């Protein structure tokens, strides 16, 4: 079941629905980077746009979270 979060990105209200496991990864990364959740999501949204990524923000966040877990696993090897 997806969990919806409402927040402001660059002054615009938006809602993002992701599975709890993805939110766990994103929240952990925000804490690790000492950023607010909204701050990290705004940064990632900027990255998505500057990369010319045409996928939606939720899809981009799922892939980003997956890559973060993959990096963590690689560092443990």
C-alpha atoms as a PDB file:
ATOM      1  CA  UNK A   1       0.000   0.000   0.000  1.00  0.00           C
ATOM      2  CA  UNK A   2       1.324   3.423  -0.949  1.00  0.00           C
ATOM      3  CA  UNK A   3       1.867   6.171   1.571  1.00  0.00           C
ATOM      4  CA  UNK A   4       1.099   9.712   0.399  1.00  0.00           C
ATOM      5  CA  UNK A   5       3.063  12.752   1.556  1.00  0.00           C
ATOM      6  CA  UNK A   6       2.063  16.335   0.854  1.00  0.00           C
ATOM      7  CA  UNK A   7       4.721  19.034   0.773  1.00  0.00           C
ATOM      8  CA  UNK A   8       5.885  22.170  -0.983  1.00  0.00           C
ATOM      9  CA  UNK A   9       8.513  21.961  -3.711  1.00  0.00           C
ATOM     10  CA  UNK A  10       9.757  25.334  -4.903  1.00  0.00           C
ATOM     11  CA  UNK A  11       6.678  27.029  -3.479  1.00  0.00           C
ATOM     12  CA  UNK A  12       4.167  24.654  -5.074  1.00  0.00           C
ATOM     13  CA  UNK A  13       2.113  22.160  -3.097  1.00  0.00           C
ATOM     14  CA  UNK A  14       2.402  18.598  -4.343  1.00  0.00           C
ATOM     15  CA  UNK A  15       1.662  15.081  -3.165  1.00  0.00           C
ATOM     16  CA  UNK A  16       3.890  12.087  -3.699  1.00  0.00           C
ATOM     17  CA  UNK A  17       2.673   8.516  -3.172  1.00  0.00           C
ATOM     18  CA  UNK A  18       5.323   5.845  -2.633  1.00  0.00           C
ATOM     19  CA  UNK A  19       5.476   2.482  -0.922  1.00  0.00           C
ATOM     20  CA  UNK A  20       6.658   2.733   2.724  1.00  0.00           C
ATOM     21  CA  UNK A  21       9.935   0.960   1.913  1.00  0.00           C
ATOM     22  CA  UNK A  22      10.921   3.744  -0.488  1.00  0.00           C
ATOM     23  CA  UNK A  23       9.983   6.407   2.043  1.00  0.00           C
ATOM     24  CA  UNK A  24      12.179   4.620   4.611  1.00  0.00           C
ATOM     25  CA  UNK A  25      15.215   4.878   2.305  1.00  0.00           C
ATOM     26  CA  UNK A  26      14.515   8.504   1.389  1.00  0.00           C
ATOM     27  CA  UNK A  27      13.962   9.550   5.008  1.00  0.00           C
ATOM     28  CA  UNK A  28      17.157   7.771   6.103  1.00  0.00           C
ATOM     29  CA  UNK A  29      19.122   9.590   3.404  1.00  0.00           C
ATOM     30  CA  UNK A  30      17.638  12.949   4.435  1.00  0.00           C
ATOM     31  CA  UNK A  31      18.656  12.269   8.031  1.00  0.00           C
ATOM     32  CA  UNK A  32      22.130  11.102   6.994  1.00  0.00           C
ATOM     33  CA  UNK A  33      22.596  14.295   4.964  1.00  0.00           C
ATOM     34  CA  UNK A  34      21.095  16.406   7.756  1.00  0.00           C
ATOM     35  CA  UNK A  35      18.422  17.723   5.389  1.00  0.00           C
ATOM     36  CA  UNK A  36      14.711  18.067   5.739  1.00  0.00           C
ATOM     37  CA  UNK A  37      12.638  15.648   3.708  1.00  0.00           C
ATOM     38  CA  UNK A  38      11.291  18.549   1.625  1.00  0.00           C
ATOM     39  CA  UNK A  39      14.841  19.827   1.067  1.00  0.00           C
ATOM     40  CA  UNK A  40      16.078  16.480  -0.197  1.00  0.00           C
ATOM     41  CA  UNK A  41      13.033  15.995  -2.417  1.00  0.00           C
ATOM     42  CA  UNK A  42      13.478  19.483  -3.906  1.00  0.00           C
ATOM     43  CA  UNK A  43      17.143  18.695  -4.606  1.00  0.00           C
ATOM     44  CA  UNK A  44      16.225  15.402  -6.257  1.00  0.00           C
ATOM     45  CA  UNK A  45      13.485  17.060  -8.300  1.00  0.00           C
ATOM     46  CA  UNK A  46      16.015  19.654  -9.508  1.00  0.00           C
ATOM     47  CA  UNK A  47      18.399  16.828 -10.426  1.00  0.00           C
ATOM     48  CA  UNK A  48      15.638  15.034 -12.335  1.00  0.00           C
ATOM     49  CA  UNK A  49      14.781  18.161 -14.330  1.00  0.00           C
ATOM     50  CA  UNK A  50      18.404  19.133 -15.033  1.00  0.00           C
ATOM     51  CA  UNK A  51      19.147  15.584 -16.242  1.00  0.00           C
ATOM     52  CA  UNK A  52      16.290  15.950 -18.721  1.00  0.00           C
ATOM     53  CA  UNK A  53      14.520  13.018 -17.109  1.00  0.00           C
ATOM     54  CA  UNK A  54      10.940  12.938 -18.349  1.00  0.00           C
ATOM     55  CA  UNK A  55       9.708  10.381 -15.817  1.00  0.00           C
ATOM     56  CA  UNK A  56       7.442  11.507 -13.020  1.00  0.00           C
ATOM     57  CA  UNK A  57       8.894  12.436  -9.660  1.00  0.00           C
ATOM     58  CA  UNK A  58       7.559   9.320  -7.902  1.00  0.00           C
ATOM     59  CA  UNK A  59       9.181   7.025 -10.479  1.00  0.00           C
ATOM     60  CA  UNK A  60      12.433   8.961 -10.260  1.00  0.00           C
ATOM     61  CA  UNK A  61      12.402   8.656  -6.454  1.00  0.00           C
ATOM     62  CA  UNK A  62      11.849   4.890  -6.594  1.00  0.00           C
ATOM     63  CA  UNK A  63      14.853   4.449  -8.892  1.00  0.00           C
ATOM     64  CA  UNK A  64      16.948   6.828  -6.780  1.00  0.00           C
ATOM     65  CA  UNK A  65      16.072   4.959  -3.571  1.00  0.00           C
ATOM     66  CA  UNK A  66      16.897   1.635  -5.231  1.00  0.00           C
ATOM     67  CA  UNK A  67      20.286   2.998  -6.309  1.00  0.00           C
ATOM     68  CA  UNK A  68      20.984   4.183  -2.748  1.00  0.00           C
ATOM     69  CA  UNK A  69      20.335   0.698  -1.372  1.00  0.00           C
ATOM     70  CA  UNK A  70      22.454  -0.819  -4.130  1.00  0.00           C
ATOM     71  CA  UNK A  71      25.335   1.539  -3.249  1.00  0.00           C
ATOM     72  CA  UNK A  72      25.059   0.640   0.432  1.00  0.00           C
ATOM     73  CA  UNK A  73      25.198  -3.063  -0.364  1.00  0.00           C
ATOM     74  CA  UNK A  74      28.220  -2.592  -2.639  1.00  0.00           C
ATOM     75  CA  UNK A  75      30.058  -0.706   0.119  1.00  0.00           C
ATOM     76  CA  UNK A  76      29.537  -3.643   2.495  1.00  0.00           C
ATOM     77  CA  UNK A  77      31.298  -6.056   0.125  1.00  0.00           C
END
